[in-house]
Amino acid sequence: MLGTFHAVWTFDVTDAVAWKLEAQLAMNILQARSGFVSGSVFHNADSPERYLVKTDWLDVGSYRRALGSMEAKVGVWPFLANMRDEPTAFELLMDFTAESVTEYESSVNDGV
């Protein structure tokens, strides 16, 4: 069984009101794309300027197709232009609950 694919984008924000509006517009575009599972916006409790957007996808292909769409090029990429320059795409390999551990096969060819 393959795990889901996750994108985690972090931002240093000076105008939270304007940024949240931009985030919502970008998320609305992604939400409509095939393979989108869910999305969340977080605010760092210790660094008031730091925000994080997490999106969950069925697989890496869904994520890449969504970001490659014309709608994303117009409405999501300008928003992402201000994110911090760090790795953003992650694949779920192990999932822990109070009762269990689930391991997933990797769909990324990394040799591990």
C-alpha atoms as a PDB file:
ATOM      1  CA  MET A   1       0.000   0.000   0.000  1.00  0.00           C
ATOM      2  CA  LEU A   2       1.298   3.453  -0.897  1.00  0.00           C
ATOM      3  CA  GLY A   3       1.112   6.359   1.537  1.00  0.00           C
ATOM      4  CA  THR A   4      -0.256   9.772   0.751  1.00  0.00           C
ATOM      5  CA  PHE A   5       1.889  12.623  -0.487  1.00  0.00           C
ATOM      6  CA  HIS A   6       2.241  15.892   1.449  1.00  0.00           C
ATOM      7  CA  ALA A   7       3.450  19.365   0.593  1.00  0.00           C
ATOM      8  CA  VAL A   8       4.559  21.637   3.444  1.00  0.00           C
ATOM      9  CA  TRP A   9       5.161  25.288   2.634  1.00  0.00           C
ATOM     10  CA  THR A  10       6.435  27.770   5.237  1.00  0.00           C
ATOM     11  CA  PHE A  11       6.174  31.541   5.017  1.00  0.00           C
ATOM     12  CA  ASP A  12       7.450  34.546   6.948  1.00  0.00           C
ATOM     13  CA  VAL A  13       4.464  36.901   6.901  1.00  0.00           C
ATOM     14  CA  THR A  14       4.356  40.625   7.650  1.00  0.00           C
ATOM     15  CA  ASP A  15       0.687  41.246   6.731  1.00  0.00           C
ATOM     16  CA  ALA A  16      -1.294  38.308   8.107  1.00  0.00           C
ATOM     17  CA  VAL A  17      -4.674  39.556   6.877  1.00  0.00           C
ATOM     18  CA  ALA A  18      -3.555  39.900   3.253  1.00  0.00           C
ATOM     19  CA  TRP A  19      -1.562  36.665   3.396  1.00  0.00           C
ATOM     20  CA  LYS A  20      -4.539  34.655   4.686  1.00  0.00           C
ATOM     21  CA  LEU A  21      -6.659  35.928   1.793  1.00  0.00           C
ATOM     22  CA  GLU A  22      -3.962  34.882  -0.686  1.00  0.00           C
ATOM     23  CA  ALA A  23      -3.640  31.502   1.031  1.00  0.00           C
ATOM     24  CA  GLN A  24      -7.365  30.906   0.799  1.00  0.00           C
ATOM     25  CA  LEU A  25      -7.437  31.757  -2.910  1.00  0.00           C
ATOM     26  CA  ALA A  26      -4.502  29.430  -3.610  1.00  0.00           C
ATOM     27  CA  MET A  27      -6.047  26.637  -1.549  1.00  0.00           C
ATOM     28  CA  ASN A  28      -9.394  27.004  -3.347  1.00  0.00           C
ATOM     29  CA  ILE A  29      -7.611  26.402  -6.661  1.00  0.00           C
ATOM     30  CA  LEU A  30      -5.764  23.352  -5.342  1.00  0.00           C
ATOM     31  CA  GLN A  31      -8.863  21.993  -3.630  1.00  0.00           C
ATOM     32  CA  ALA A  32     -10.561  21.679  -7.022  1.00  0.00           C
ATOM     33  CA  ARG A  33      -7.740  19.592  -8.526  1.00  0.00           C
ATOM     34  CA  SER A  34      -7.944  15.832  -8.934  1.00  0.00           C
ATOM     35  CA  GLY A  35      -6.052  13.957  -6.210  1.00  0.00           C
ATOM     36  CA  PHE A  36      -6.386  16.699  -3.583  1.00  0.00           C
ATOM     37  CA  VAL A  37      -7.183  15.109  -0.199  1.00  0.00           C
ATOM     38  CA  SER A  38      -6.999  18.001   2.276  1.00  0.00           C
ATOM     39  CA  GLY A  39      -5.217  21.210   3.178  1.00  0.00           C
ATOM     40  CA  SER A  40      -4.490  23.120   6.376  1.00  0.00           C
ATOM     41  CA  VAL A  41      -3.028  26.478   7.363  1.00  0.00           C
ATOM     42  CA  PHE A  42      -1.014  26.749  10.587  1.00  0.00           C
ATOM     43  CA  HIS A  43       0.408  29.638  12.605  1.00  0.00           C
ATOM     44  CA  ASN A  44       3.584  29.114  14.644  1.00  0.00           C
ATOM     45  CA  ALA A  45       3.003  29.605  18.366  1.00  0.00           C
ATOM     46  CA  ASP A  46       6.577  30.760  19.042  1.00  0.00           C
ATOM     47  CA  SER A  47       7.316  32.865  15.952  1.00  0.00           C
ATOM     48  CA  PRO A  48       4.354  35.123  15.164  1.00  0.00           C
ATOM     49  CA  GLU A  49       5.549  35.834  11.609  1.00  0.00           C
ATOM     50  CA  ARG A  50       5.811  32.130  10.654  1.00  0.00           C
ATOM     51  CA  TYR A  51       2.940  30.391   8.896  1.00  0.00           C
ATOM     52  CA  LEU A  52       2.727  26.941   7.346  1.00  0.00           C
ATOM     53  CA  VAL A  53       0.468  25.495   4.659  1.00  0.00           C
ATOM     54  CA  LYS A  54       0.134  21.706   4.414  1.00  0.00           C
ATOM     55  CA  THR A  55      -1.615  19.936   1.565  1.00  0.00           C
ATOM     56  CA  ASP A  56      -2.281  16.213   1.289  1.00  0.00           C
ATOM     57  CA  TRP A  57      -2.501  14.384  -2.045  1.00  0.00           C
ATOM     58  CA  LEU A  58      -3.305  10.873  -3.229  1.00  0.00           C
ATOM     59  CA  ASP A  59       0.140  10.601  -4.812  1.00  0.00           C
ATOM     60  CA  VAL A  60       3.080  12.598  -6.120  1.00  0.00           C
ATOM     61  CA  GLY A  61       1.604  12.664  -9.631  1.00  0.00           C
ATOM     62  CA  SER A  62      -1.593  14.350  -8.422  1.00  0.00           C
ATOM     63  CA  TYR A  63       0.490  16.973  -6.632  1.00  0.00           C
ATOM     64  CA  ARG A  64       2.676  17.677  -9.653  1.00  0.00           C
ATOM     65  CA  ARG A  65      -0.268  17.813 -12.076  1.00  0.00           C
ATOM     66  CA  ALA A  66      -2.128  20.207  -9.772  1.00  0.00           C
ATOM     67  CA  LEU A  67       0.828  22.596  -9.549  1.00  0.00           C
ATOM     68  CA  GLY A  68       1.421  22.299 -13.286  1.00  0.00           C
ATOM     69  CA  SER A  69      -2.131  23.293 -14.183  1.00  0.00           C
ATOM     70  CA  MET A  70      -2.823  26.653 -15.810  1.00  0.00           C
ATOM     71  CA  GLU A  71      -5.005  27.641 -12.831  1.00  0.00           C
ATOM     72  CA  ALA A  72      -2.110  26.989 -10.446  1.00  0.00           C
ATOM     73  CA  LYS A  73       0.373  28.883 -12.609  1.00  0.00           C
ATOM     74  CA  VAL A  74      -1.890  31.933 -12.420  1.00  0.00           C
ATOM     75  CA  GLY A  75      -3.325  31.626  -8.894  1.00  0.00           C
ATOM     76  CA  VAL A  76      -0.998  29.466  -6.791  1.00  0.00           C
ATOM     77  CA  TRP A  77       2.554  30.123  -8.014  1.00  0.00           C
ATOM     78  CA  PRO A  78       2.441  33.871  -7.233  1.00  0.00           C
ATOM     79  CA  PHE A  79       1.464  32.907  -3.660  1.00  0.00           C
ATOM     80  CA  LEU A  80       4.249  30.313  -3.456  1.00  0.00           C
ATOM     81  CA  ALA A  81       6.819  32.818  -4.697  1.00  0.00           C
ATOM     82  CA  ASN A  82       7.030  34.149  -1.125  1.00  0.00           C
ATOM     83  CA  MET A  83       7.538  30.849   0.677  1.00  0.00           C
ATOM     84  CA  ARG A  84      10.773  29.969   2.456  1.00  0.00           C
ATOM     85  CA  ASP A  85      13.347  28.213   0.292  1.00  0.00           C
ATOM     86  CA  GLU A  86      13.443  24.727   1.808  1.00  0.00           C
ATOM     87  CA  PRO A  87      12.281  21.211   0.875  1.00  0.00           C
ATOM     88  CA  THR A  88       8.494  21.107   0.593  1.00  0.00           C
ATOM     89  CA  ALA A  89       7.336  17.713  -0.697  1.00  0.00           C
ATOM     90  CA  PHE A  90       7.114  14.683   1.588  1.00  0.00           C
ATOM     91  CA  GLU A  91       5.778  11.160   1.217  1.00  0.00           C
ATOM     92  CA  LEU A  92       4.101   9.319   4.107  1.00  0.00           C
ATOM     93  CA  LEU A  93       6.168   6.231   4.991  1.00  0.00           C
ATOM     94  CA  MET A  94       4.966   5.391   8.524  1.00  0.00           C
ATOM     95  CA  ASP A  95       1.790   6.355  10.358  1.00  0.00           C
ATOM     96  CA  PHE A  96       1.465   6.000  14.139  1.00  0.00           C
ATOM     97  CA  THR A  97      -1.703   5.966  16.243  1.00  0.00           C
ATOM     98  CA  ALA A  98      -2.183   5.033  19.896  1.00  0.00           C
ATOM     99  CA  GLU A  99      -3.045   1.498  18.777  1.00  0.00           C
ATOM    100  CA  SER A 100      -0.952   0.794  15.692  1.00  0.00           C
ATOM    101  CA  VAL A 101       1.872   1.507  13.301  1.00  0.00           C
ATOM    102  CA  THR A 102       1.319   1.367   9.542  1.00  0.00           C
ATOM    103  CA  GLU A 103       4.188   1.293   7.060  1.00  0.00           C
ATOM    104  CA  TYR A 104       3.775   2.273   3.401  1.00  0.00           C
ATOM    105  CA  GLU A 105       5.779   1.511   0.288  1.00  0.00           C
ATOM    106  CA  SER A 106       7.608   4.426  -1.237  1.00  0.00           C
ATOM    107  CA  SER A 107       6.513   5.676  -4.640  1.00  0.00           C
ATOM    108  CA  VAL A 108       9.666   7.784  -4.877  1.00  0.00           C
ATOM    109  CA  ASN A 109      12.729   6.122  -6.353  1.00  0.00           C
ATOM    110  CA  ASP A 110      15.338   7.083  -3.758  1.00  0.00           C
ATOM    111  CA  GLY A 111      17.097   3.757  -3.242  1.00  0.00           C
ATOM    112  CA  VAL A 112      16.289   3.566   0.506  1.00  0.00           C
END
